[in-house]
């Protein structure tokens, strides 16, 4: 009788061992995602602070990201050719 009860709890119950293992795996995955997003938010906050507080950083960002230039400058973009497959 005890063996039957144990088997029922391990396999057929709605909170069986397999579901508990899957739940722990999912929880671990979500905890890793949470840490990743916390790090991304911190990095983005620091970048935003740098852009808002320092005009040199803002100018560098605008030039690199959006290819902006001063009126007296010319900008040349170097785009590498794609390699042809044989």
PDB file of N, CA and C in Angstrom:
ATOM      1  N   UNK A   1       0.806  -1.183   0.000  1.00  0.00           N
ATOM      2  CA  UNK A   1       0.000   0.000   0.000  1.00  0.00           C
ATOM      3  C   UNK A   1       0.862   1.264   0.000  1.00  0.00           C
ATOM      4  N   UNK A   2       1.937   1.247   0.776  1.00  0.00           N
ATOM      5  CA  UNK A   2       2.853   2.383   0.844  1.00  0.00           C
ATOM      6  C   UNK A   2       3.540   2.602  -0.507  1.00  0.00           C
ATOM      7  N   UNK A   3       3.894   1.524  -1.189  1.00  0.00           N
ATOM      8  CA  UNK A   3       4.532   1.620  -2.503  1.00  0.00           C
ATOM      9  C   UNK A   3       3.568   2.246  -3.508  1.00  0.00           C
ATOM     10  N   UNK A   4       2.321   1.850  -3.469  1.00  0.00           N
ATOM     11  CA  UNK A   4       1.315   2.411  -4.359  1.00  0.00           C
ATOM     12  C   UNK A   4       1.126   3.903  -4.096  1.00  0.00           C
ATOM     13  N   UNK A   5       1.072   4.284  -2.833  1.00  0.00           N
ATOM     14  CA  UNK A   5       0.931   5.694  -2.474  1.00  0.00           C
ATOM     15  C   UNK A   5       2.148   6.507  -2.937  1.00  0.00           C
ATOM     16  N   UNK A   6       3.358   5.948  -2.740  1.00  0.00           N
ATOM     17  CA  UNK A   6       4.582   6.624  -3.176  1.00  0.00           C
ATOM     18  C   UNK A   6       4.631   6.773  -4.680  1.00  0.00           C
ATOM     19  N   UNK A   7       4.247   5.744  -5.407  1.00  0.00           N
ATOM     20  CA  UNK A   7       4.216   5.808  -6.869  1.00  0.00           C
ATOM     21  C   UNK A   7       3.214   6.863  -7.326  1.00  0.00           C
ATOM     22  N   UNK A   8       2.074   6.901  -6.681  1.00  0.00           N
ATOM     23  CA  UNK A   8       1.061   7.896  -7.032  1.00  0.00           C
ATOM     24  C   UNK A   8       1.614   9.321  -6.846  1.00  0.00           C
ATOM     25  N   UNK A   9       2.317   9.571  -5.759  1.00  0.00           N
ATOM     26  CA  UNK A   9       2.869  10.898  -5.498  1.00  0.00           C
ATOM     27  C   UNK A   9       3.994  11.252  -6.470  1.00  0.00           C
ATOM     28  N   UNK A  10       4.808  10.271  -6.830  1.00  0.00           N
ATOM     29  CA  UNK A  10       5.948  10.550  -7.708  1.00  0.00           C
ATOM     30  C   UNK A  10       5.543  10.746  -9.168  1.00  0.00           C
ATOM     31  N   UNK A  11       4.492  10.067  -9.611  1.00  0.00           N
ATOM     32  CA  UNK A  11       4.184  10.073 -11.032  1.00  0.00           C
ATOM     33  C   UNK A  11       2.846  10.737 -11.368  1.00  0.00           C
ATOM     34  N   UNK A  12       1.806  10.409 -10.680  1.00  0.00           N
ATOM     35  CA  UNK A  12       0.476  10.803 -11.105  1.00  0.00           C
ATOM     36  C   UNK A  12      -0.065  12.065 -10.442  1.00  0.00           C
ATOM     37  N   UNK A  13       0.480  12.489  -9.357  1.00  0.00           N
ATOM     38  CA  UNK A  13      -0.014  13.664  -8.660  1.00  0.00           C
ATOM     39  C   UNK A  13       0.258  14.916  -9.497  1.00  0.00           C
ATOM     40  N   UNK A  14      -0.533  15.984  -9.323  1.00  0.00           N
ATOM     41  CA  UNK A  14      -0.333  17.187 -10.125  1.00  0.00           C
ATOM     42  C   UNK A  14       0.975  17.910  -9.765  1.00  0.00           C
ATOM     43  N   UNK A  15       1.524  17.664  -8.617  1.00  0.00           N
ATOM     44  CA  UNK A  15       2.805  18.227  -8.205  1.00  0.00           C
ATOM     45  C   UNK A  15       3.871  17.140  -8.161  1.00  0.00           C
ATOM     46  N   UNK A  16       3.953  16.347  -9.206  1.00  0.00           N
ATOM     47  CA  UNK A  16       4.889  15.224  -9.193  1.00  0.00           C
ATOM     48  C   UNK A  16       6.336  15.700  -9.353  1.00  0.00           C
ATOM     49  N   UNK A  17       7.244  14.779  -9.258  1.00  0.00           N
ATOM     50  CA  UNK A  17       8.676  15.090  -9.280  1.00  0.00           C
ATOM     51  C   UNK A  17       9.089  15.712 -10.603  1.00  0.00           C
ATOM     52  N   UNK A  18       8.574  15.201 -11.702  1.00  0.00           N
ATOM     53  CA  UNK A  18       8.954  15.731 -13.015  1.00  0.00           C
ATOM     54  C   UNK A  18       8.528  17.187 -13.174  1.00  0.00           C
ATOM     55  N   UNK A  19       7.349  17.518 -12.713  1.00  0.00           N
ATOM     56  CA  UNK A  19       6.898  18.907 -12.784  1.00  0.00           C
ATOM     57  C   UNK A  19       7.706  19.813 -11.852  1.00  0.00           C
ATOM     58  N   UNK A  20       8.119  19.305 -10.718  1.00  0.00           N
ATOM     59  CA  UNK A  20       8.946  20.086  -9.805  1.00  0.00           C
ATOM     60  C   UNK A  20      10.308  20.383 -10.422  1.00  0.00           C
ATOM     61  N   UNK A  21      10.891  19.386 -11.087  1.00  0.00           N
ATOM     62  CA  UNK A  21      12.183  19.589 -11.750  1.00  0.00           C
ATOM     63  C   UNK A  21      12.048  20.617 -12.863  1.00  0.00           C
ATOM     64  N   UNK A  22      11.000  20.512 -13.656  1.00  0.00           N
ATOM     65  CA  UNK A  22      10.773  21.473 -14.738  1.00  0.00           C
ATOM     66  C   UNK A  22      10.529  22.872 -14.182  1.00  0.00           C
ATOM     67  N   UNK A  23       9.814  22.968 -13.082  1.00  0.00           N
ATOM     68  CA  UNK A  23       9.565  24.277 -12.468  1.00  0.00           C
ATOM     69  C   UNK A  23      10.860  24.902 -11.960  1.00  0.00           C
ATOM     70  N   UNK A  24      11.738  24.106 -11.366  1.00  0.00           N
ATOM     71  CA  UNK A  24      13.030  24.633 -10.900  1.00  0.00           C
ATOM     72  C   UNK A  24      13.885  25.084 -12.076  1.00  0.00           C
ATOM     73  N   UNK A  25      13.859  24.338 -13.163  1.00  0.00           N
ATOM     74  CA  UNK A  25      14.624  24.694 -14.359  1.00  0.00           C
ATOM     75  C   UNK A  25      14.109  26.018 -14.938  1.00  0.00           C
ATOM     76  N   UNK A  26      12.799  26.162 -14.990  1.00  0.00           N
ATOM     77  CA  UNK A  26      12.196  27.397 -15.499  1.00  0.00           C
ATOM     78  C   UNK A  26      12.525  28.577 -14.586  1.00  0.00           C
ATOM     79  N   UNK A  27      12.456  28.369 -13.292  1.00  0.00           N
ATOM     80  CA  UNK A  27      12.788  29.421 -12.336  1.00  0.00           C
ATOM     81  C   UNK A  27      14.235  29.866 -12.502  1.00  0.00           C
ATOM     82  N   UNK A  28      15.142  28.925 -12.658  1.00  0.00           N
ATOM     83  CA  UNK A  28      16.559  29.252 -12.855  1.00  0.00           C
ATOM     84  C   UNK A  28      16.744  30.065 -14.139  1.00  0.00           C
ATOM     85  N   UNK A  29      16.047  29.681 -15.197  1.00  0.00           N
ATOM     86  CA  UNK A  29      16.130  30.404 -16.463  1.00  0.00           C
ATOM     87  C   UNK A  29      15.660  31.852 -16.289  1.00  0.00           C
ATOM     88  N   UNK A  30      14.534  32.034 -15.594  1.00  0.00           N
ATOM     89  CA  UNK A  30      14.012  33.378 -15.380  1.00  0.00           C
ATOM     90  C   UNK A  30      14.903  34.205 -14.466  1.00  0.00           C
ATOM     91  N   UNK A  31      15.559  33.586 -13.510  1.00  0.00           N
ATOM     92  CA  UNK A  31      16.497  34.311 -12.661  1.00  0.00           C
ATOM     93  C   UNK A  31      17.700  34.789 -13.465  1.00  0.00           C
ATOM     94  N   UNK A  32      18.179  33.964 -14.392  1.00  0.00           N
ATOM     95  CA  UNK A  32      19.290  34.376 -15.251  1.00  0.00           C
ATOM     96  C   UNK A  32      18.871  35.537 -16.155  1.00  0.00           C
ATOM     97  N   UNK A  33      17.659  35.457 -16.705  1.00  0.00           N
ATOM     98  CA  UNK A  33      17.165  36.556 -17.529  1.00  0.00           C
ATOM     99  C   UNK A  33      17.045  37.845 -16.718  1.00  0.00           C
ATOM    100  N   UNK A  34      16.582  37.721 -15.494  1.00  0.00           N
ATOM    101  CA  UNK A  34      16.437  38.892 -14.630  1.00  0.00           C
ATOM    102  C   UNK A  34      17.789  39.554 -14.396  1.00  0.00           C
ATOM    103  N   UNK A  35      18.821  38.752 -14.099  1.00  0.00           N
ATOM    104  CA  UNK A  35      20.165  39.307 -13.898  1.00  0.00           C
ATOM    105  C   UNK A  35      20.676  39.985 -15.162  1.00  0.00           C
ATOM    106  N   UNK A  36      20.431  39.380 -16.317  1.00  0.00           N
ATOM    107  CA  UNK A  36      20.863  39.968 -17.585  1.00  0.00           C
ATOM    108  C   UNK A  36      20.203  41.334 -17.791  1.00  0.00           C
ATOM    109  N   UNK A  37      18.900  41.399 -17.569  1.00  0.00           N
ATOM    110  CA  UNK A  37      18.194  42.660 -17.781  1.00  0.00           C
ATOM    111  C   UNK A  37      18.574  43.716 -16.750  1.00  0.00           C
ATOM    112  N   UNK A  38      18.865  43.314 -15.548  1.00  0.00           N
ATOM    113  CA  UNK A  38      19.339  44.275 -14.542  1.00  0.00           C
ATOM    114  C   UNK A  38      20.675  44.868 -14.980  1.00  0.00           C
ATOM    115  N   UNK A  39      21.575  44.039 -15.495  1.00  0.00           N
ATOM    116  CA  UNK A  39      22.866  44.530 -15.984  1.00  0.00           C
ATOM    117  C   UNK A  39      22.681  45.449 -17.189  1.00  0.00           C
ATOM    118  N   UNK A  40      21.770  45.101 -18.089  1.00  0.00           N
ATOM    119  CA  UNK A  40      21.517  45.943 -19.255  1.00  0.00           C
ATOM    120  C   UNK A  40      20.942  47.293 -18.841  1.00  0.00           C
ATOM    121  N   UNK A  41      20.033  47.295 -17.884  1.00  0.00           N
ATOM    122  CA  UNK A  41      19.444  48.553 -17.406  1.00  0.00           C
ATOM    123  C   UNK A  41      20.518  49.425 -16.777  1.00  0.00           C
ATOM    124  N   UNK A  42      21.413  48.820 -16.006  1.00  0.00           N
ATOM    125  CA  UNK A  42      22.495  49.584 -15.378  1.00  0.00           C
ATOM    126  C   UNK A  42      23.417  50.189 -16.437  1.00  0.00           C
ATOM    127  N   UNK A  43      23.792  49.397 -17.434  1.00  0.00           N
ATOM    128  CA  UNK A  43      24.677  49.894 -18.490  1.00  0.00           C
ATOM    129  C   UNK A  43      23.992  50.999 -19.293  1.00  0.00           C
ATOM    130  N   UNK A  44      22.715  50.833 -19.608  1.00  0.00           N
ATOM    131  CA  UNK A  44      21.990  51.855 -20.359  1.00  0.00           C
ATOM    132  C   UNK A  44      21.807  53.125 -19.543  1.00  0.00           C
ATOM    133  N   UNK A  45      21.597  52.977 -18.250  1.00  0.00           N
ATOM    134  CA  UNK A  45      21.457  54.159 -17.389  1.00  0.00           C
ATOM    135  C   UNK A  45      22.758  54.947 -17.337  1.00  0.00           C
ATOM    136  N   UNK A  46      23.881  54.236 -17.244  1.00  0.00           N
ATOM    137  CA  UNK A  46      25.181  54.918 -17.241  1.00  0.00           C
ATOM    138  C   UNK A  46      25.436  55.609 -18.578  1.00  0.00           C
ATOM    139  N   UNK A  47      25.088  54.952 -19.674  1.00  0.00           N
ATOM    140  CA  UNK A  47      25.279  55.562 -20.989  1.00  0.00           C
ATOM    141  C   UNK A  47      24.386  56.790 -21.148  1.00  0.00           C
ATOM    142  N   UNK A  48      23.164  56.706 -20.679  1.00  0.00           N
ATOM    143  CA  UNK A  48      22.248  57.845 -20.754  1.00  0.00           C
ATOM    144  C   UNK A  48      22.775  59.013 -19.924  1.00  0.00           C
ATOM    145  N   UNK A  49      23.279  58.710 -18.736  1.00  0.00           N
ATOM    146  CA  UNK A  49      23.838  59.776 -17.899  1.00  0.00           C
ATOM    147  C   UNK A  49      25.027  60.440 -18.591  1.00  0.00           C
ATOM    148  N   UNK A  50      25.900  59.625 -19.192  1.00  0.00           N
ATOM    149  CA  UNK A  50      27.054  60.190 -19.903  1.00  0.00           C
ATOM    150  C   UNK A  50      26.613  61.069 -21.065  1.00  0.00           C
ATOM    151  N   UNK A  51      25.613  60.627 -21.809  1.00  0.00           N
ATOM    152  CA  UNK A  51      25.144  61.412 -22.945  1.00  0.00           C
ATOM    153  C   UNK A  51      24.486  62.713 -22.514  1.00  0.00           C
ATOM    154  N   UNK A  52      23.756  62.675 -21.421  1.00  0.00           N
ATOM    155  CA  UNK A  52      23.052  63.875 -20.968  1.00  0.00           C
ATOM    156  C   UNK A  52      23.963  64.865 -20.241  1.00  0.00           C
ATOM    157  N   UNK A  53      25.080  64.401 -19.711  1.00  0.00           N
ATOM    158  CA  UNK A  53      25.920  65.283 -18.902  1.00  0.00           C
ATOM    159  C   UNK A  53      27.164  65.779 -19.628  1.00  0.00           C
ATOM    160  N   UNK A  54      27.575  65.109 -20.678  1.00  0.00           N
ATOM    161  CA  UNK A  54      28.822  65.476 -21.344  1.00  0.00           C
ATOM    162  C   UNK A  54      28.580  65.641 -22.834  1.00  0.00           C
ATOM    163  N   UNK A  55      28.822  66.851 -23.343  1.00  0.00           N
ATOM    164  CA  UNK A  55      28.574  67.098 -24.764  1.00  0.00           C
ATOM    165  C   UNK A  55      29.564  66.366 -25.656  1.00  0.00           C
ATOM    166  N   UNK A  56      30.760  66.070 -25.162  1.00  0.00           N
ATOM    167  CA  UNK A  56      31.729  65.324 -25.965  1.00  0.00           C
ATOM    168  C   UNK A  56      31.234  63.903 -26.227  1.00  0.00           C
ATOM    169  N   UNK A  57      30.658  63.277 -25.200  1.00  0.00           N
ATOM    170  CA  UNK A  57      30.095  61.942 -25.385  1.00  0.00           C
ATOM    171  C   UNK A  57      28.895  61.978 -26.341  1.00  0.00           C
ATOM    172  N   UNK A  58      28.073  63.013 -26.198  1.00  0.00           N
ATOM    173  CA  UNK A  58      26.902  63.148 -27.058  1.00  0.00           C
ATOM    174  C   UNK A  58      27.319  63.324 -28.519  1.00  0.00           C
ATOM    175  N   UNK A  59      28.326  64.142 -28.734  1.00  0.00           N
ATOM    176  CA  UNK A  59      28.811  64.364 -30.094  1.00  0.00           C
ATOM    177  C   UNK A  59      29.426  63.086 -30.679  1.00  0.00           C
ATOM    178  N   UNK A  60      30.204  62.373 -29.887  1.00  0.00           N
ATOM    179  CA  UNK A  60      30.797  61.118 -30.341  1.00  0.00           C
ATOM    180  C   UNK A  60      29.707  60.101 -30.685  1.00  0.00           C
ATOM    181  N   UNK A  61      28.691  60.007 -29.847  1.00  0.00           N
ATOM    182  CA  UNK A  61      27.579  59.075 -30.085  1.00  0.00           C
ATOM    183  C   UNK A  61      26.850  59.433 -31.378  1.00  0.00           C
ATOM    184  N   UNK A  62      26.565  60.702 -31.579  1.00  0.00           N
ATOM    185  CA  UNK A  62      25.852  61.134 -32.782  1.00  0.00           C
ATOM    186  C   UNK A  62      26.675  60.858 -34.036  1.00  0.00           C
ATOM    187  N   UNK A  63      27.963  61.070 -33.964  1.00  0.00           N
ATOM    188  CA  UNK A  63      28.818  60.810 -35.127  1.00  0.00           C
ATOM    189  C   UNK A  63      28.910  59.328 -35.448  1.00  0.00           C
ATOM    190  N   UNK A  64      29.059  58.495 -34.420  1.00  0.00           N
ATOM    191  CA  UNK A  64      29.233  57.061 -34.656  1.00  0.00           C
ATOM    192  C   UNK A  64      27.929  56.364 -34.995  1.00  0.00           C
ATOM    193  N   UNK A  65      26.867  56.714 -34.320  1.00  0.00           N
ATOM    194  CA  UNK A  65      25.602  55.994 -34.475  1.00  0.00           C
ATOM    195  C   UNK A  65      24.786  56.503 -35.663  1.00  0.00           C
ATOM    196  N   UNK A  66      24.733  57.817 -35.827  1.00  0.00           N
ATOM    197  CA  UNK A  66      23.861  58.407 -36.841  1.00  0.00           C
ATOM    198  C   UNK A  66      24.626  59.116 -37.957  1.00  0.00           C
ATOM    199  N   UNK A  67      25.942  58.974 -37.983  1.00  0.00           N
ATOM    200  CA  UNK A  67      26.800  59.524 -39.038  1.00  0.00           C
ATOM    201  C   UNK A  67      26.593  61.019 -39.221  1.00  0.00           C
ATOM    202  N   UNK A  68      26.418  61.743 -38.125  1.00  0.00           N
ATOM    203  CA  UNK A  68      26.268  63.188 -38.194  1.00  0.00           C
ATOM    204  C   UNK A  68      27.636  63.829 -38.339  1.00  0.00           C
ATOM    205  N   UNK A  69      27.650  65.037 -38.893  1.00  0.00           N
ATOM    206  CA  UNK A  69      28.916  65.722 -39.122  1.00  0.00           C
ATOM    207  C   UNK A  69      28.726  67.211 -38.935  1.00  0.00           C
ATOM    208  N   UNK A  70      29.852  67.881 -38.819  1.00  0.00           N
ATOM    209  CA  UNK A  70      29.826  69.338 -38.775  1.00  0.00           C
ATOM    210  C   UNK A  70      29.730  69.851 -40.212  1.00  0.00           C
ATOM    211  N   UNK A  71      29.371  71.125 -40.365  1.00  0.00           N
ATOM    212  CA  UNK A  71      29.216  71.701 -41.706  1.00  0.00           C
ATOM    213  C   UNK A  71      30.516  71.708 -42.494  1.00  0.00           C
ATOM    214  N   UNK A  72      31.649  71.826 -41.828  1.00  0.00           N
ATOM    215  CA  UNK A  72      32.934  71.936 -42.512  1.00  0.00           C
ATOM    216  C   UNK A  72      33.613  70.584 -42.717  1.00  0.00           C
ATOM    217  N   UNK A  73      32.907  69.498 -42.508  1.00  0.00           N
ATOM    218  CA  UNK A  73      33.514  68.171 -42.599  1.00  0.00           C
ATOM    219  C   UNK A  73      32.882  67.351 -43.713  1.00  0.00           C
ATOM    220  N   UNK A  74      33.652  66.385 -44.176  1.00  0.00           N
ATOM    221  CA  UNK A  74      33.133  65.367 -45.077  1.00  0.00           C
ATOM    222  C   UNK A  74      33.247  64.026 -44.361  1.00  0.00           C
ATOM    223  N   UNK A  75      32.253  63.191 -44.535  1.00  0.00           N
ATOM    224  CA  UNK A  75      32.245  61.885 -43.886  1.00  0.00           C
ATOM    225  C   UNK A  75      32.310  60.818 -44.957  1.00  0.00           C
ATOM    226  N   UNK A  76      33.260  59.904 -44.798  1.00  0.00           N
ATOM    227  CA  UNK A  76      33.397  58.785 -45.714  1.00  0.00           C
ATOM    228  C   UNK A  76      33.102  57.509 -44.946  1.00  0.00           C
ATOM    229  N   UNK A  77      32.208  56.719 -45.494  1.00  0.00           N
ATOM    230  CA  UNK A  77      31.856  55.460 -44.848  1.00  0.00           C
ATOM    231  C   UNK A  77      32.575  54.328 -45.563  1.00  0.00           C
ATOM    232  N   UNK A  78      33.239  53.488 -44.793  1.00  0.00           N
ATOM    233  CA  UNK A  78      33.954  52.336 -45.337  1.00  0.00           C
ATOM    234  C   UNK A  78      33.088  51.101 -45.087  1.00  0.00           C
ATOM    235  N   UNK A  79      32.521  50.553 -46.136  1.00  0.00           N
ATOM    236  CA  UNK A  79      31.674  49.373 -46.012  1.00  0.00           C
ATOM    237  C   UNK A  79      32.429  48.198 -46.616  1.00  0.00           C
ATOM    238  N   UNK A  80      32.714  47.176 -45.818  1.00  0.00           N
ATOM    239  CA  UNK A  80      33.470  46.021 -46.356  1.00  0.00           C
ATOM    240  C   UNK A  80      32.617  45.230 -47.338  1.00  0.00           C
ATOM    241  N   UNK A  81      33.291  44.710 -48.355  1.00  0.00           N
ATOM    242  CA  UNK A  81      32.591  43.874 -49.336  1.00  0.00           C
ATOM    243  C   UNK A  81      32.329  42.516 -48.719  1.00  0.00           C
ATOM    244  N   UNK A  82      31.210  41.935 -49.113  1.00  0.00           N
ATOM    245  CA  UNK A  82      30.905  40.594 -48.648  1.00  0.00           C
ATOM    246  C   UNK A  82      31.714  39.587 -49.450  1.00  0.00           C
ATOM    247  N   UNK A  83      32.202  38.580 -48.778  1.00  0.00           N
ATOM    248  CA  UNK A  83      32.986  37.549 -49.445  1.00  0.00           C
ATOM    249  C   UNK A  83      32.060  36.645 -50.240  1.00  0.00           C
ATOM    250  N   UNK A  84      32.468  36.320 -51.447  1.00  0.00           N
ATOM    251  CA  UNK A  84      31.680  35.405 -52.262  1.00  0.00           C
ATOM    252  C   UNK A  84      31.993  33.969 -51.862  1.00  0.00           C
ATOM    253  N   UNK A  85      30.934  33.179 -51.795  1.00  0.00           N
ATOM    254  CA  UNK A  85      31.118  31.760 -51.466  1.00  0.00           C
ATOM    255  C   UNK A  85      31.500  31.012 -52.716  1.00  0.00           C
ATOM    256  N   UNK A  86      32.354  30.035 -52.557  1.00  0.00           N
ATOM    257  CA  UNK A  86      32.777  29.222 -53.718  1.00  0.00           C
ATOM    258  C   UNK A  86      31.852  28.088 -53.951  1.00  0.00           C
TER     259      UNK A  86
END
